[in-house]
Amino acid sequence: MKRINLSLLAIFTMGTFAFAGGDIAPVEPVVSEPVVLESNSNFYVGLAYSYQNLETDGTATPPGTGTIRKRSVIDDKFSAIMLQAGYNFNQYIAIEGRYWFGLSSSVHYSNVYLPLKDRDTSIDAWGIYIKPQYPITEDFSVYALLGYGGGDIDIDNVPTNVGLQYADDKIDGFSWGLGVSYSMTDNISLFVDYINIYNDDDDYYNPSTGYKYNLDRNLDKWNFGLTYNF
């Protein structure tokens, strides 16, 4: 009797599903696609015109005498072409290298012992920086440059009795800068920045005269350029 009742229940259930509209549609599994985050990392290169300033003040101590003060041994403006290359890890931090090719300039030097008059001078410089940056708007950002830099100062035809430190000097030390950037397109940006390459003093000795020199140098630059982002 129980078997008959179960068979009738099964037939009734199947008839009900058929009357309701046929087969039961299988449940499709929901597969969510992974979210792909857009990367802001990229390489970039740049080219700029640089307006650089070199100031050198110092003292000279003749043998057997006291210190003699000299002022404004060098205080003039120079031009350079800058090449730039870097890598943006994201929109907030980058690493960057720069090299300045100095353009020759005729500069007047003063010296209390022997006037140097006008001499052809060029300054090549370099710098390696960590670059913190912050986007103010979608197109406009500000940044800082913190790192190490140096320069090669080359002055032609300086008499050896004046001191070789005036003719060919290499300087290097802590370097810093501040700048702004504006994106013209997705790939091209304009930038303007100020960089202090070197600001320190150095001691020299001229064996041909016995003079001891202490020179306080400051080399800084204004840069106006374009950056291309890959």
Foldseek 3Di string as FASTA:
>chain_A
DVVVVVVVVVVVVVVVCVVVPDDDDDDDDDDDDDDDDDFAKFKKKKKWKKKKWKFKFKWKDFPPDDIDGDHGQDTDIWIWMKIKIWMDRHQFKIKIKMKTWTDWDWGFGCDPVDGPGTWIKTKIKMWIWIKTKDAPDPFKIKIKTWGKMKMWIATPDDDLVVPCCNHINIDMDIKMKIKMWGDPDPFKIKMKMKMWGDFAKDWDARVVRRMIMIMTMTMMMIITIMMTTD
